[in-house]
Amino acid sequence: MSVSGGCQCGAIRYHSDLMFDNAHICHCRMCQKAVGNIFSALVAAPNETLEWTRGKPSVFMSSELVERGFCHQCGTPLFYRGIDSNRINLTIGSLDEPEKFAPKSQMGREARLVWFEHLTTLADEGVTGAGGNEAWAQSIAASNRQHPDHDTDQWPVLTSIE
């Protein structure tokens, strides 16, 4: 399986021709802090198959045994890797097609938030811009600087105003 992905701003892109079947979420407090969310969703690729196709991530050693990669320009969390591991765990949200990697397990339950199990019962307020917020959503879309979910020859794409 061939995958690609990258950060929000497009400064960093990656590609791998092989993925492990280990999509999972981790609730540990270190993962929560690393991704700024209630859990980290990860899936691994063998180190030797991962290619950084644009830019290189910055790395933070979150412990003596673990490094975490992120974009130095936009801050997007990109990976978790044990320093002696033969695999790199990519953040599922940084993949161009995250829907292909549904988590199959979870870990780090000691820090799982008590309300996590109730998330599926929350009210569904519709798509972005629903409920009278259409103009707001359109203004965000019109000024969007997010890299598209596919590789580009250059980024940002420069356009001229005529």
Protein backbone atom coordinates (compact mmCIF):
# COMPACT_ATOMS: atom_id res chain seq x y z
CA MET A 1 0.00 0.00 0.00
CA SER A 2 1.40 3.33 -1.04
CA VAL A 3 0.67 6.35 1.17
CA SER A 4 1.56 10.00 1.24
CA GLY A 5 0.97 12.76 3.71
CA GLY A 6 2.34 15.87 5.28
CA CYS A 7 1.80 18.88 7.42
CA GLN A 8 -0.91 21.51 7.21
CA CYS A 9 1.21 24.18 5.54
CA GLY A 10 2.87 21.86 2.98
CA ALA A 11 6.46 22.51 4.07
CA ILE A 12 6.86 18.80 4.87
CA ARG A 13 5.62 15.89 2.77
CA TYR A 14 6.31 12.16 3.04
CA HIS A 15 5.71 8.90 1.17
CA SER A 16 5.87 5.19 2.00
CA ASP A 17 5.23 2.12 -0.15
CA LEU A 18 4.55 -0.14 2.83
CA MET A 19 2.39 0.26 5.93
CA PHE A 20 1.88 -2.02 8.90
CA ASP A 21 -1.62 -3.08 9.89
CA ASN A 22 -1.40 -1.52 13.35
CA ALA A 23 -3.61 1.59 13.29
CA HIS A 24 -4.33 2.50 16.91
CA ILE A 25 -5.02 5.33 19.29
CA CYS A 26 -2.99 6.14 22.37
CA HIS A 27 -4.51 7.96 25.32
CA CYS A 28 -1.29 8.35 27.36
CA ARG A 29 -0.66 11.83 28.68
CA MET A 30 2.53 12.20 26.65
CA CYS A 31 0.62 11.54 23.40
CA GLN A 32 -2.16 13.89 24.48
CA LYS A 33 0.35 16.70 24.96
CA ALA A 34 2.30 15.85 21.78
CA VAL A 35 -0.76 16.22 19.52
CA GLY A 36 -2.65 18.77 21.62
CA ASN A 37 -5.71 16.54 21.76
CA ILE A 38 -7.37 13.85 23.85
CA PHE A 39 -5.52 11.00 22.09
CA SER A 40 -3.05 10.36 19.29
CA ALA A 41 -4.10 8.27 16.27
CA LEU A 42 -1.11 6.45 14.75
CA VAL A 43 -0.18 3.88 12.09
CA ALA A 44 3.33 2.63 11.36
CA ALA A 45 5.57 2.33 8.33
CA PRO A 46 8.97 0.59 8.27
CA ASN A 47 11.73 3.18 8.72
CA GLU A 48 13.45 2.15 5.49
CA THR A 49 10.32 2.75 3.38
CA LEU A 50 9.55 6.26 4.59
CA GLU A 51 10.82 9.03 2.34
CA TRP A 52 10.60 12.72 3.19
CA THR A 53 9.69 14.16 -0.21
CA ARG A 54 9.58 17.84 0.80
CA GLY A 55 11.36 19.31 3.78
CA LYS A 56 12.42 17.51 6.95
CA PRO A 57 10.53 17.44 10.24
CA SER A 58 11.84 18.94 13.43
CA VAL A 59 12.24 16.42 16.24
CA PHE A 60 11.55 16.67 19.96
CA MET A 61 12.88 13.96 22.27
CA SER A 62 9.87 13.48 24.55
CA SER A 63 11.87 10.97 26.62
CA GLU A 64 15.25 9.25 26.40
CA LEU A 65 13.58 6.55 24.29
CA VAL A 66 11.11 8.43 22.08
CA GLU A 67 11.30 11.13 19.44
CA ARG A 68 8.34 12.98 17.98
CA GLY A 69 8.40 14.79 14.67
CA PHE A 70 6.51 17.92 13.70
CA CYS A 71 6.56 20.72 11.16
CA HIS A 72 8.68 23.63 12.39
CA GLN A 73 6.56 26.09 10.38
CA CYS A 74 2.95 25.16 11.19
CA GLY A 75 3.39 22.80 14.16
CA THR A 76 1.56 19.79 12.69
CA PRO A 77 2.46 16.62 14.65
CA LEU A 78 3.78 14.06 12.12
CA PHE A 79 5.21 11.03 13.92
CA TYR A 80 6.16 9.10 17.03
CA ARG A 81 9.21 6.81 16.94
CA GLY A 82 11.06 4.78 19.52
CA ILE A 83 14.72 5.61 18.90
CA ASP A 84 15.67 1.93 18.61
CA SER A 85 12.55 0.94 16.65
CA ASN A 86 12.45 -0.31 13.07
CA ARG A 87 9.19 1.56 12.47
CA ILE A 88 7.88 5.08 12.52
CA ASN A 89 4.32 5.71 13.71
CA LEU A 90 2.77 8.39 11.51
CA THR A 91 -0.12 10.49 12.76
CA ILE A 92 -3.19 9.25 10.91
CA GLY A 93 -4.49 12.82 10.54
CA SER A 94 -1.37 13.80 8.57
CA LEU A 95 -2.04 11.13 5.92
CA ASP A 96 -3.64 12.25 2.66
CA GLU A 97 -6.21 9.46 3.03
CA PRO A 98 -6.71 9.00 6.78
CA GLU A 99 -9.99 7.16 6.24
CA LYS A 100 -7.99 4.10 5.11
CA PHE A 101 -6.60 3.55 8.62
CA ALA A 102 -9.40 2.94 11.11
CA PRO A 103 -7.89 2.27 14.54
CA LYS A 104 -8.07 -1.36 15.63
CA SER A 105 -6.89 -0.95 19.21
CA GLN A 106 -6.25 1.60 21.92
CA MET A 107 -3.65 1.91 24.64
CA GLY A 108 -2.63 4.27 27.41
CA ARG A 109 -5.97 3.84 29.16
CA GLU A 110 -4.54 5.22 32.41
CA ALA A 111 -4.92 8.71 30.95
CA ARG A 112 -8.06 8.16 28.85
CA LEU A 113 -10.49 10.94 29.68
CA VAL A 114 -13.57 9.74 31.53
CA TRP A 115 -15.92 11.31 28.98
CA PHE A 116 -14.24 9.66 25.97
CA GLU A 117 -16.78 6.82 25.86
CA HIS A 118 -19.64 9.32 25.50
CA LEU A 119 -18.32 11.09 22.37
CA THR A 120 -20.62 9.15 20.04
CA THR A 121 -23.64 10.44 21.93
CA LEU A 122 -22.87 14.12 21.31
CA ALA A 123 -25.30 16.16 19.25
CA ASP A 124 -24.42 16.30 15.56
CA GLU A 125 -24.45 19.94 14.49
CA GLY A 126 -23.89 19.22 10.80
CA VAL A 127 -21.24 20.29 8.35
CA THR A 128 -18.89 23.22 8.76
CA GLY A 129 -20.90 26.41 8.32
CA ALA A 130 -24.25 24.91 9.30
CA GLY A 131 -26.56 26.75 11.65
CA GLY A 132 -26.26 30.21 10.15
CA ASN A 133 -22.46 30.17 9.89
CA GLU A 134 -22.27 29.84 6.11
CA ALA A 135 -20.60 33.24 5.53
CA TRP A 136 -17.98 32.47 8.18
CA ALA A 137 -17.22 29.06 6.62
CA GLN A 138 -17.01 30.61 3.13
CA SER A 139 -14.56 33.28 4.32
CA ILE A 140 -12.35 30.58 5.85
CA ALA A 141 -12.48 28.53 2.62
CA ALA A 142 -11.66 31.61 0.52
CA SER A 143 -8.51 32.36 2.52
CA ASN A 144 -7.47 28.73 3.11
CA ARG A 145 -3.68 28.20 3.19
CA GLN A 146 -3.87 24.48 3.95
CA HIS A 147 -1.93 22.19 1.65
CA PRO A 148 -4.22 19.89 -0.38
CA ASP A 149 -4.38 16.15 0.39
CA HIS A 150 -2.05 15.20 -2.47
CA ASP A 151 1.50 15.90 -3.57
CA THR A 152 2.21 19.14 -5.43
CA ASP A 153 5.28 20.18 -7.40
CA GLN A 154 5.61 23.31 -5.32
CA TRP A 155 3.90 24.89 -2.38
CA PRO A 156 2.58 27.38 -1.87
CA VAL A 157 1.18 27.59 -5.35
CA LEU A 158 1.81 31.10 -6.56
CA THR A 159 -0.95 32.78 -8.51
CA SER A 160 -0.97 36.14 -10.20
CA ILE A 161 -3.73 38.69 -9.90
CA GLU A 162 -4.85 40.05 -13.25
